[in-house]
Amino acid sequence: MKRRGYSRGDWPEHQHRRDLKGQIAEVSISKGFEIGSLGNAEELPSRSWASWRAFHPDEPDEDYEGREWYLNIQKQPLYRRDLDIVAVAPGERDSRLLHDMV
């Protein structure tokens, strides 16, 4: 892999797995919030921005170069829109925010 330009980074990689044979615990969602899959293309700008902020918390806002980078994520073979989970804030039906990427 080194010959192809890869190198070991100094940040951890976390993979979260669980055994699905057991009971899945109930979770509480704050009043008014909705959890669901990423919707149509109109939701892409806010999804892209929220994801960029989550993964670049120390970068200034002006470094955000638009949603093209997130379109590249969506083009990956393992990407599934139905597993791209978002939380919708109360009263923000048209402005979905990143909750988690599955």
Foldseek 3Di string as FASTA:
>chain_A
DVVVPDDDDPDDDDDDDDDPPDDDDDDDDPPQKDKFFDDDPLQQQLAQVQVCCVVCVPDDPVVDPTRPVVVVVCPDPPDDRRQQMWMAHHPRPSRTHHDDHD
